[in-house]
Amino acid sequence: MRFPDLVTVVLLATAPAAHAGAEAVRADIASRLSAANPGIAPADYSLGSAAFDADRRAKLEANTPAPGTAEILAQGKQLWNRKFRNGRSLSQCFPNGGRRIAAAYPQVDAKSKRVVSLETAVNQCLRTHGEPILEAADAATMGAILAYVRSLSDGQKIAVRAANPVAEERFEQGRRLYFTRMGQQNYACASCHVQNAGKFFGDTALPAAAGSAARWPFVREGRAVTLQSQVRECLERMGAAAFPAGSDELAQVEYFLTVLSQGHAIKPNAWRPR
């Protein structure tokens, strides 16, 4: 089914019952997606639009690795290993120099009770060592670093779970934001990516929420686009004021989407056209 114009369609983003628990919400959304798209393997949701569109999938395969990826990874590696004024580096702030850590982010910090995304963790390291922090939305610095770090976890399965009451609360906050209608068009993120996942907006299939945390950053026109940057772009297209880059709200949405993507293999730096 194709939507010639989403504005003309009434989208009902009915949310799972509030406080149902992360696993119950995850199962409910998985059931909805499966019922609406019976021919699609759940593991393929991480392909985004390409899961529902054979032509898009062929283009994705033809553009693997995505043009510009090598340059992004080289820049990210250089920033990751650059020596601070005290002789330390970002790589020394993380276990194994950052290898195989991405599948455990974002995390909920027990002390602050806040969601710690990779962006947050990078800036925490910089701040601790007296270095200038990075702009979370800057593709040339933060985007390149995250592209490199996530490449060190290529193929690893996402293992983020809401395993305690505080984590459940942050998951619920992210869920609520994802299902809240916003902006001039009165859409929720879930209007497209849960209720109408797999349907077409113009010539592009709407990706599913499940699996969406597996393949970021995307590489588009030679730039690394993080998951949080993608959410901000979606909000702007909805006519809503985007949450500030690096904000708690974006971290909570990312946490929600990552829990939904539990078990999906990380395949970062996938090609995505504008």
C-alpha atoms as a PDB file:
ATOM      1  CA  MET A   1       0.000   0.000   0.000  1.00  0.00           C
ATOM      2  CA  ARG A   2       1.329   3.445  -0.920  1.00  0.00           C
ATOM      3  CA  PHE A   3       0.512   6.774   0.687  1.00  0.00           C
ATOM      4  CA  PRO A   4       0.540   9.455  -2.031  1.00  0.00           C
ATOM      5  CA  ASP A   5       0.443  12.085   0.693  1.00  0.00           C
ATOM      6  CA  LEU A   6       0.674  11.334   4.397  1.00  0.00           C
ATOM      7  CA  VAL A   7      -1.009  14.628   5.235  1.00  0.00           C
ATOM      8  CA  THR A   8      -4.275  13.315   3.817  1.00  0.00           C
ATOM      9  CA  VAL A   9      -4.227  10.162   5.917  1.00  0.00           C
ATOM     10  CA  VAL A  10      -5.426   9.898   9.488  1.00  0.00           C
ATOM     11  CA  LEU A  11      -2.724   8.087  11.449  1.00  0.00           C
ATOM     12  CA  LEU A  12      -3.764   6.601  14.763  1.00  0.00           C
ATOM     13  CA  ALA A  13      -0.713   5.874  16.896  1.00  0.00           C
ATOM     14  CA  THR A  14      -2.357   3.933  19.665  1.00  0.00           C
ATOM     15  CA  ALA A  15       0.225   3.411  22.380  1.00  0.00           C
ATOM     16  CA  PRO A  16       0.704   0.224  24.360  1.00  0.00           C
ATOM     17  CA  ALA A  17      -0.716   0.486  27.842  1.00  0.00           C
ATOM     18  CA  ALA A  18       1.340   2.847  29.973  1.00  0.00           C
ATOM     19  CA  HIS A  19       3.554   1.198  32.605  1.00  0.00           C
ATOM     20  CA  ALA A  20       3.009  -2.216  30.998  1.00  0.00           C
ATOM     21  CA  GLY A  21       6.725  -2.922  31.429  1.00  0.00           C
ATOM     22  CA  ALA A  22       9.458  -2.836  28.816  1.00  0.00           C
ATOM     23  CA  GLU A  23       9.224  -6.497  27.831  1.00  0.00           C
ATOM     24  CA  ALA A  24       5.437  -6.331  27.501  1.00  0.00           C
ATOM     25  CA  VAL A  25       5.698  -3.186  25.366  1.00  0.00           C
ATOM     26  CA  ARG A  26       8.420  -4.751  23.218  1.00  0.00           C
ATOM     27  CA  ALA A  27       6.313  -7.877  22.681  1.00  0.00           C
ATOM     28  CA  ASP A  28       3.223  -5.811  21.858  1.00  0.00           C
ATOM     29  CA  ILE A  29       5.034  -3.729  19.241  1.00  0.00           C
ATOM     30  CA  ALA A  30       6.653  -6.841  17.752  1.00  0.00           C
ATOM     31  CA  SER A  31       3.215  -8.431  17.477  1.00  0.00           C
ATOM     32  CA  ARG A  32       1.767  -5.350  15.761  1.00  0.00           C
ATOM     33  CA  LEU A  33       4.603  -5.193  13.243  1.00  0.00           C
ATOM     34  CA  SER A  34       4.368  -8.906  12.510  1.00  0.00           C
ATOM     35  CA  ALA A  35       0.608  -8.749  11.992  1.00  0.00           C
ATOM     36  CA  ALA A  36       0.907  -5.781   9.623  1.00  0.00           C
ATOM     37  CA  ASN A  37       3.892  -7.208   7.714  1.00  0.00           C
ATOM     38  CA  PRO A  38       3.550 -11.015   7.794  1.00  0.00           C
ATOM     39  CA  GLY A  39       6.055 -11.592   5.003  1.00  0.00           C
ATOM     40  CA  ILE A  40       8.903  -9.715   6.676  1.00  0.00           C
ATOM     41  CA  ALA A  41      11.391 -11.470   8.950  1.00  0.00           C
ATOM     42  CA  PRO A  42      11.742  -9.461  12.197  1.00  0.00           C
ATOM     43  CA  ALA A  43      15.542  -9.594  11.829  1.00  0.00           C
ATOM     44  CA  ASP A  44      15.182  -7.577   8.615  1.00  0.00           C
ATOM     45  CA  TYR A  45      13.596  -4.581  10.353  1.00  0.00           C
ATOM     46  CA  SER A  46      17.096  -3.279  10.979  1.00  0.00           C
ATOM     47  CA  LEU A  47      17.389  -2.743   7.210  1.00  0.00           C
ATOM     48  CA  GLY A  48      15.000   0.200   7.584  1.00  0.00           C
ATOM     49  CA  SER A  49      13.062   1.022   4.429  1.00  0.00           C
ATOM     50  CA  ALA A  50      14.950  -1.708   2.563  1.00  0.00           C
ATOM     51  CA  ALA A  51      13.153  -4.366   4.618  1.00  0.00           C
ATOM     52  CA  PHE A  52       9.932  -3.513   2.767  1.00  0.00           C
ATOM     53  CA  ASP A  53      11.258  -2.483  -0.648  1.00  0.00           C
ATOM     54  CA  ALA A  54      13.237  -4.815  -2.912  1.00  0.00           C
ATOM     55  CA  ASP A  55      14.554  -1.941  -5.051  1.00  0.00           C
ATOM     56  CA  ARG A  56      15.778  -0.069  -1.975  1.00  0.00           C
ATOM     57  CA  ARG A  57      17.411  -3.265  -0.705  1.00  0.00           C
ATOM     58  CA  ALA A  58      19.264  -3.742  -3.975  1.00  0.00           C
ATOM     59  CA  LYS A  59      20.534  -0.161  -3.808  1.00  0.00           C
ATOM     60  CA  LEU A  60      21.597  -0.678  -0.191  1.00  0.00           C
ATOM     61  CA  GLU A  61      23.586  -3.762  -1.164  1.00  0.00           C
ATOM     62  CA  ALA A  62      25.116  -1.923  -4.131  1.00  0.00           C
ATOM     63  CA  ASN A  63      26.201   0.895  -1.811  1.00  0.00           C
ATOM     64  CA  THR A  64      27.877  -1.308   0.814  1.00  0.00           C
ATOM     65  CA  PRO A  65      30.204   0.014   2.074  1.00  0.00           C
ATOM     66  CA  ALA A  66      28.530   3.374   1.798  1.00  0.00           C
ATOM     67  CA  PRO A  67      30.465   5.999  -0.175  1.00  0.00           C
ATOM     68  CA  GLY A  68      32.494   8.116   2.233  1.00  0.00           C
ATOM     69  CA  THR A  69      32.617   5.503   5.004  1.00  0.00           C
ATOM     70  CA  ALA A  70      36.387   5.003   4.862  1.00  0.00           C
ATOM     71  CA  GLU A  71      37.026   8.719   5.304  1.00  0.00           C
ATOM     72  CA  ILE A  72      34.542   8.969   8.195  1.00  0.00           C
ATOM     73  CA  LEU A  73      36.087   5.997   9.992  1.00  0.00           C
ATOM     74  CA  ALA A  74      39.606   7.368   9.514  1.00  0.00           C
ATOM     75  CA  GLN A  75      38.540  10.688  11.034  1.00  0.00           C
ATOM     76  CA  GLY A  76      36.737   8.946  13.885  1.00  0.00           C
ATOM     77  CA  LYS A  77      39.738   6.739  14.646  1.00  0.00           C
ATOM     78  CA  GLN A  78      42.051   9.753  14.701  1.00  0.00           C
ATOM     79  CA  LEU A  79      39.785  11.599  17.160  1.00  0.00           C
ATOM     80  CA  TRP A  80      39.306   8.471  19.282  1.00  0.00           C
ATOM     81  CA  ASN A  81      43.050   7.957  19.712  1.00  0.00           C
ATOM     82  CA  ARG A  82      44.119  11.619  19.844  1.00  0.00           C
ATOM     83  CA  LYS A  83      46.162  12.374  22.939  1.00  0.00           C
ATOM     84  CA  PHE A  84      44.753  14.838  25.434  1.00  0.00           C
ATOM     85  CA  ARG A  85      46.955  17.444  27.060  1.00  0.00           C
ATOM     86  CA  ASN A  86      47.436  15.030  29.978  1.00  0.00           C
ATOM     87  CA  GLY A  87      48.496  12.195  27.674  1.00  0.00           C
ATOM     88  CA  ARG A  88      45.234  10.224  27.918  1.00  0.00           C
ATOM     89  CA  SER A  89      42.710   9.647  25.114  1.00  0.00           C
ATOM     90  CA  LEU A  90      39.067   8.771  24.529  1.00  0.00           C
ATOM     91  CA  SER A  91      40.050   5.181  23.855  1.00  0.00           C
ATOM     92  CA  GLN A  92      41.446   4.909  27.384  1.00  0.00           C
ATOM     93  CA  CYS A  93      38.132   5.885  28.968  1.00  0.00           C
ATOM     94  CA  PHE A  94      36.413   2.705  27.751  1.00  0.00           C
ATOM     95  CA  PRO A  95      37.014  -1.025  28.238  1.00  0.00           C
ATOM     96  CA  ASN A  96      39.148  -2.686  25.545  1.00  0.00           C
ATOM     97  CA  GLY A  97      39.747   0.659  23.887  1.00  0.00           C
ATOM     98  CA  GLY A  98      36.070   0.775  22.901  1.00  0.00           C
ATOM     99  CA  ARG A  99      35.901  -2.636  21.244  1.00  0.00           C
ATOM    100  CA  ARG A 100      32.551  -4.417  21.622  1.00  0.00           C
ATOM    101  CA  ILE A 101      31.038  -1.779  23.923  1.00  0.00           C
ATOM    102  CA  ALA A 102      28.400  -0.285  21.617  1.00  0.00           C
ATOM    103  CA  ALA A 103      25.903  -3.103  22.154  1.00  0.00           C
ATOM    104  CA  ALA A 104      25.582  -2.052  25.816  1.00  0.00           C
ATOM    105  CA  TYR A 105      24.648   1.594  25.087  1.00  0.00           C
ATOM    106  CA  PRO A 106      22.688   3.588  25.999  1.00  0.00           C
ATOM    107  CA  GLN A 107      22.865   2.775  29.697  1.00  0.00           C
ATOM    108  CA  VAL A 108      20.967   4.057  32.733  1.00  0.00           C
ATOM    109  CA  ASP A 109      23.341   5.433  35.351  1.00  0.00           C
ATOM    110  CA  ALA A 110      22.319   4.226  38.805  1.00  0.00           C
ATOM    111  CA  LYS A 111      23.679   7.321  40.563  1.00  0.00           C
ATOM    112  CA  SER A 112      22.284  10.102  38.392  1.00  0.00           C
ATOM    113  CA  LYS A 113      19.290   8.031  37.194  1.00  0.00           C
ATOM    114  CA  ARG A 114      19.830   9.460  33.709  1.00  0.00           C
ATOM    115  CA  VAL A 115      20.245   7.737  30.375  1.00  0.00           C
ATOM    116  CA  VAL A 116      23.888   7.764  29.281  1.00  0.00           C
ATOM    117  CA  SER A 117      24.169   7.555  25.508  1.00  0.00           C
ATOM    118  CA  LEU A 118      27.474   7.107  23.701  1.00  0.00           C
ATOM    119  CA  GLU A 119      27.431  10.846  23.016  1.00  0.00           C
ATOM    120  CA  THR A 120      27.110  11.489  26.746  1.00  0.00           C
ATOM    121  CA  ALA A 121      29.843   8.984  27.618  1.00  0.00           C
ATOM    122  CA  VAL A 122      32.259  10.563  25.121  1.00  0.00           C
ATOM    123  CA  ASN A 123      31.663  14.029  26.541  1.00  0.00           C
ATOM    124  CA  GLN A 124      31.951  12.759  30.106  1.00  0.00           C
ATOM    125  CA  CYS A 125      35.406  11.450  29.251  1.00  0.00           C
ATOM    126  CA  LEU A 126      36.424  14.747  27.655  1.00  0.00           C
ATOM    127  CA  ARG A 127      35.129  16.755  30.607  1.00  0.00           C
ATOM    128  CA  THR A 128      36.888  14.512  33.122  1.00  0.00           C
ATOM    129  CA  HIS A 129      40.231  15.118  31.399  1.00  0.00           C
ATOM    130  CA  GLY A 130      39.759  18.878  30.983  1.00  0.00           C
ATOM    131  CA  GLU A 131      39.114  18.751  27.240  1.00  0.00           C
ATOM    132  CA  PRO A 132      36.446  20.742  25.359  1.00  0.00           C
ATOM    133  CA  ILE A 133      33.262  18.729  24.915  1.00  0.00           C
ATOM    134  CA  LEU A 134      31.841  18.061  21.469  1.00  0.00           C
ATOM    135  CA  GLU A 135      28.568  19.220  19.965  1.00  0.00           C
ATOM    136  CA  ALA A 136      26.341  16.135  19.945  1.00  0.00           C
ATOM    137  CA  ALA A 137      24.936  16.978  16.510  1.00  0.00           C
ATOM    138  CA  ASP A 138      28.294  17.634  14.804  1.00  0.00           C
ATOM    139  CA  ALA A 139      28.725  14.959  12.134  1.00  0.00           C
ATOM    140  CA  ALA A 140      32.408  15.774  11.553  1.00  0.00           C
ATOM    141  CA  THR A 141      33.431  15.119  15.175  1.00  0.00           C
ATOM    142  CA  MET A 142      30.846  13.322  17.311  1.00  0.00           C
ATOM    143  CA  GLY A 143      29.305  11.604  14.291  1.00  0.00           C
ATOM    144  CA  ALA A 144      32.692  10.347  13.078  1.00  0.00           C
ATOM    145  CA  ILE A 145      33.660   9.129  16.563  1.00  0.00           C
ATOM    146  CA  LEU A 146      30.428   7.181  16.990  1.00  0.00           C
ATOM    147  CA  ALA A 147      30.739   5.744  13.477  1.00  0.00           C
ATOM    148  CA  TYR A 148      34.190   4.431  14.380  1.00  0.00           C
ATOM    149  CA  VAL A 149      33.275   3.140  17.844  1.00  0.00           C
ATOM    150  CA  ARG A 150      30.197   1.335  16.572  1.00  0.00           C
ATOM    151  CA  SER A 151      32.287  -0.187  13.777  1.00  0.00           C
ATOM    152  CA  LEU A 152      34.292  -1.858  16.563  1.00  0.00           C
ATOM    153  CA  SER A 153      31.089  -3.719  17.506  1.00  0.00           C
ATOM    154  CA  ASP A 154      30.069  -4.708  13.976  1.00  0.00           C
ATOM    155  CA  GLY A 155      27.932  -7.869  14.135  1.00  0.00           C
ATOM    156  CA  GLN A 156      27.500  -7.807  17.905  1.00  0.00           C
ATOM    157  CA  LYS A 157      23.906  -8.163  19.077  1.00  0.00           C
ATOM    158  CA  ILE A 158      22.276  -5.334  21.002  1.00  0.00           C
ATOM    159  CA  ALA A 159      22.028  -6.294  24.663  1.00  0.00           C
ATOM    160  CA  VAL A 160      20.250  -3.321  26.247  1.00  0.00           C
ATOM    161  CA  ARG A 161      17.448  -4.249  28.650  1.00  0.00           C
ATOM    162  CA  ALA A 162      15.389  -2.249  31.127  1.00  0.00           C
ATOM    163  CA  ALA A 163      16.534  -4.446  33.997  1.00  0.00           C
ATOM    164  CA  ASN A 164      15.541  -2.408  37.069  1.00  0.00           C
ATOM    165  CA  PRO A 165      12.840   0.079  38.149  1.00  0.00           C
ATOM    166  CA  VAL A 166      14.867   3.166  37.183  1.00  0.00           C
ATOM    167  CA  ALA A 167      15.602   1.742  33.735  1.00  0.00           C
ATOM    168  CA  GLU A 168      11.920   0.850  33.340  1.00  0.00           C
ATOM    169  CA  GLU A 169      11.029   4.440  34.167  1.00  0.00           C
ATOM    170  CA  ARG A 170      13.437   5.835  31.555  1.00  0.00           C
ATOM    171  CA  PHE A 171      12.111   3.344  29.007  1.00  0.00           C
ATOM    172  CA  GLU A 172       8.576   4.511  29.785  1.00  0.00           C
ATOM    173  CA  GLN A 173       9.594   8.148  29.344  1.00  0.00           C
ATOM    174  CA  GLY A 174      11.078   7.316  25.948  1.00  0.00           C
ATOM    175  CA  ARG A 175       7.968   5.331  24.991  1.00  0.00           C
ATOM    176  CA  ARG A 176       5.713   8.195  25.988  1.00  0.00           C
ATOM    177  CA  LEU A 177       7.712  10.676  23.901  1.00  0.00           C
ATOM    178  CA  TYR A 178       7.652   8.298  20.927  1.00  0.00           C
ATOM    179  CA  PHE A 179       3.871   7.920  21.067  1.00  0.00           C
ATOM    180  CA  THR A 180       3.053  11.577  21.801  1.00  0.00           C
ATOM    181  CA  ARG A 181       1.589  13.576  18.933  1.00  0.00           C
ATOM    182  CA  MET A 182       3.600  16.727  18.250  1.00  0.00           C
ATOM    183  CA  GLY A 183       3.950  19.588  15.824  1.00  0.00           C
ATOM    184  CA  GLN A 184       1.841  21.154  13.118  1.00  0.00           C
ATOM    185  CA  GLN A 185       0.949  17.823  11.526  1.00  0.00           C
ATOM    186  CA  ASN A 186      -0.106  16.253  14.833  1.00  0.00           C
ATOM    187  CA  TYR A 187       1.871  13.060  14.264  1.00  0.00           C
ATOM    188  CA  ALA A 188       3.756  10.900  16.716  1.00  0.00           C
ATOM    189  CA  CYS A 189       6.964   9.084  15.808  1.00  0.00           C
ATOM    190  CA  ALA A 190       4.929   5.901  16.274  1.00  0.00           C
ATOM    191  CA  SER A 191       2.372   7.056  13.689  1.00  0.00           C
ATOM    192  CA  CYS A 192       4.895   6.192  10.985  1.00  0.00           C
ATOM    193  CA  HIS A 193       7.199   3.647  12.565  1.00  0.00           C
ATOM    194  CA  VAL A 194       4.728   1.457  14.463  1.00  0.00           C
ATOM    195  CA  GLN A 195       1.221   2.057  13.174  1.00  0.00           C
ATOM    196  CA  ASN A 196       2.208   2.397   9.513  1.00  0.00           C
ATOM    197  CA  ALA A 197       5.616   0.740   9.310  1.00  0.00           C
ATOM    198  CA  GLY A 198       6.098  -0.859   5.909  1.00  0.00           C
ATOM    199  CA  LYS A 199       3.644   1.421   4.145  1.00  0.00           C
ATOM    200  CA  PHE A 200       4.907   3.986   1.668  1.00  0.00           C
ATOM    201  CA  PHE A 201       5.285   7.731   2.045  1.00  0.00           C
ATOM    202  CA  GLY A 202       5.753   8.757  -1.574  1.00  0.00           C
ATOM    203  CA  ASP A 203       8.407   6.386  -2.921  1.00  0.00           C
ATOM    204  CA  THR A 204       9.905   5.467   0.453  1.00  0.00           C
ATOM    205  CA  ALA A 205       8.743   2.712   2.795  1.00  0.00           C
ATOM    206  CA  LEU A 206       8.377   3.760   6.418  1.00  0.00           C
ATOM    207  CA  PRO A 207      10.955   1.919   8.586  1.00  0.00           C
ATOM    208  CA  ALA A 208       9.906  -0.019  11.679  1.00  0.00           C
ATOM    209  CA  ALA A 209      10.750   1.155  15.188  1.00  0.00           C
ATOM    210  CA  ALA A 210      12.108  -2.291  16.081  1.00  0.00           C
ATOM    211  CA  GLY A 211      15.604  -2.716  14.692  1.00  0.00           C
ATOM    212  CA  SER A 212      16.095   1.016  14.131  1.00  0.00           C
ATOM    213  CA  ALA A 213      18.876   1.183  16.726  1.00  0.00           C
ATOM    214  CA  ALA A 214      21.032  -1.389  14.907  1.00  0.00           C
ATOM    215  CA  ARG A 215      22.383   0.365  11.809  1.00  0.00           C
ATOM    216  CA  TRP A 216      23.228   3.901  12.856  1.00  0.00           C
ATOM    217  CA  PRO A 217      25.094   6.055  12.128  1.00  0.00           C
ATOM    218  CA  PHE A 218      23.812   6.217   8.585  1.00  0.00           C
ATOM    219  CA  VAL A 219      26.150   7.551   5.929  1.00  0.00           C
ATOM    220  CA  ARG A 220      24.397  10.125   3.806  1.00  0.00           C
ATOM    221  CA  GLU A 221      26.233  12.340   1.348  1.00  0.00           C
ATOM    222  CA  GLY A 222      29.507  11.535   3.062  1.00  0.00           C
ATOM    223  CA  ARG A 223      28.283  12.454   6.559  1.00  0.00           C
ATOM    224  CA  ALA A 224      27.617  10.284   9.609  1.00  0.00           C
ATOM    225  CA  VAL A 225      24.023  10.729  10.803  1.00  0.00           C
ATOM    226  CA  THR A 226      23.443   9.421  14.324  1.00  0.00           C
ATOM    227  CA  LEU A 227      20.187   7.994  15.609  1.00  0.00           C
ATOM    228  CA  GLN A 228      19.542  11.089  17.710  1.00  0.00           C
ATOM    229  CA  SER A 229      20.180  13.343  14.693  1.00  0.00           C
ATOM    230  CA  GLN A 230      17.738  11.249  12.672  1.00  0.00           C
ATOM    231  CA  VAL A 231      15.061  11.644  15.372  1.00  0.00           C
ATOM    232  CA  ARG A 232      15.605  15.417  15.336  1.00  0.00           C
ATOM    233  CA  GLU A 233      15.193  15.484  11.540  1.00  0.00           C
ATOM    234  CA  CYS A 234      11.957  13.485  11.815  1.00  0.00           C
ATOM    235  CA  LEU A 235      10.574  15.894  14.415  1.00  0.00           C
ATOM    236  CA  GLU A 236      11.350  18.841  12.148  1.00  0.00           C
ATOM    237  CA  ARG A 237       9.549  17.142   9.252  1.00  0.00           C
ATOM    238  CA  MET A 238       6.549  16.715  11.572  1.00  0.00           C
ATOM    239  CA  GLY A 239       6.559  20.479  12.143  1.00  0.00           C
ATOM    240  CA  ALA A 240       7.649  19.986  15.763  1.00  0.00           C
ATOM    241  CA  ALA A 241      10.417  21.765  17.637  1.00  0.00           C
ATOM    242  CA  ALA A 242      13.219  19.202  17.815  1.00  0.00           C
ATOM    243  CA  PHE A 243      14.655  18.357  21.221  1.00  0.00           C
ATOM    244  CA  PRO A 244      18.125  19.872  21.674  1.00  0.00           C
ATOM    245  CA  ALA A 245      21.034  17.733  20.529  1.00  0.00           C
ATOM    246  CA  GLY A 246      22.316  15.640  23.422  1.00  0.00           C
ATOM    247  CA  SER A 247      19.196  16.248  25.523  1.00  0.00           C
ATOM    248  CA  ASP A 248      17.707  13.844  28.058  1.00  0.00           C
ATOM    249  CA  GLU A 249      14.621  13.541  25.849  1.00  0.00           C
ATOM    250  CA  LEU A 250      16.613  12.302  22.856  1.00  0.00           C
ATOM    251  CA  ALA A 251      18.564   9.921  25.076  1.00  0.00           C
ATOM    252  CA  GLN A 252      15.301   8.491  26.422  1.00  0.00           C
ATOM    253  CA  VAL A 253      13.893   7.993  22.919  1.00  0.00           C
ATOM    254  CA  GLU A 254      17.150   6.316  21.901  1.00  0.00           C
ATOM    255  CA  TYR A 255      16.951   4.073  24.980  1.00  0.00           C
ATOM    256  CA  PHE A 256      13.381   3.089  24.103  1.00  0.00           C
ATOM    257  CA  LEU A 257      14.333   2.257  20.503  1.00  0.00           C
ATOM    258  CA  THR A 258      17.435   0.345  21.591  1.00  0.00           C
ATOM    259  CA  VAL A 259      15.460  -1.847  23.987  1.00  0.00           C
ATOM    260  CA  LEU A 260      13.007  -2.519  21.129  1.00  0.00           C
ATOM    261  CA  SER A 261      16.018  -3.495  18.987  1.00  0.00           C
ATOM    262  CA  GLN A 262      17.350  -5.986  21.517  1.00  0.00           C
ATOM    263  CA  GLY A 263      18.969  -8.962  19.773  1.00  0.00           C
ATOM    264  CA  HIS A 264      19.470  -7.186  16.437  1.00  0.00           C
ATOM    265  CA  ALA A 265      23.045  -7.242  15.143  1.00  0.00           C
ATOM    266  CA  ILE A 266      24.856  -3.908  14.978  1.00  0.00           C
ATOM    267  CA  LYS A 267      25.611  -3.046  11.362  1.00  0.00           C
ATOM    268  CA  PRO A 268      26.684   0.594  11.466  1.00  0.00           C
ATOM    269  CA  ASN A 269      27.430   3.084   8.713  1.00  0.00           C
ATOM    270  CA  ALA A 270      24.799   1.875   6.281  1.00  0.00           C
ATOM    271  CA  TRP A 271      24.111   3.907   3.146  1.00  0.00           C
ATOM    272  CA  ARG A 272      21.032   6.057   3.213  1.00  0.00           C
ATOM    273  CA  PRO A 273      19.997   8.567   0.530  1.00  0.00           C
ATOM    274  CA  ARG A 274      18.445  11.911   1.347  1.00  0.00           C
END
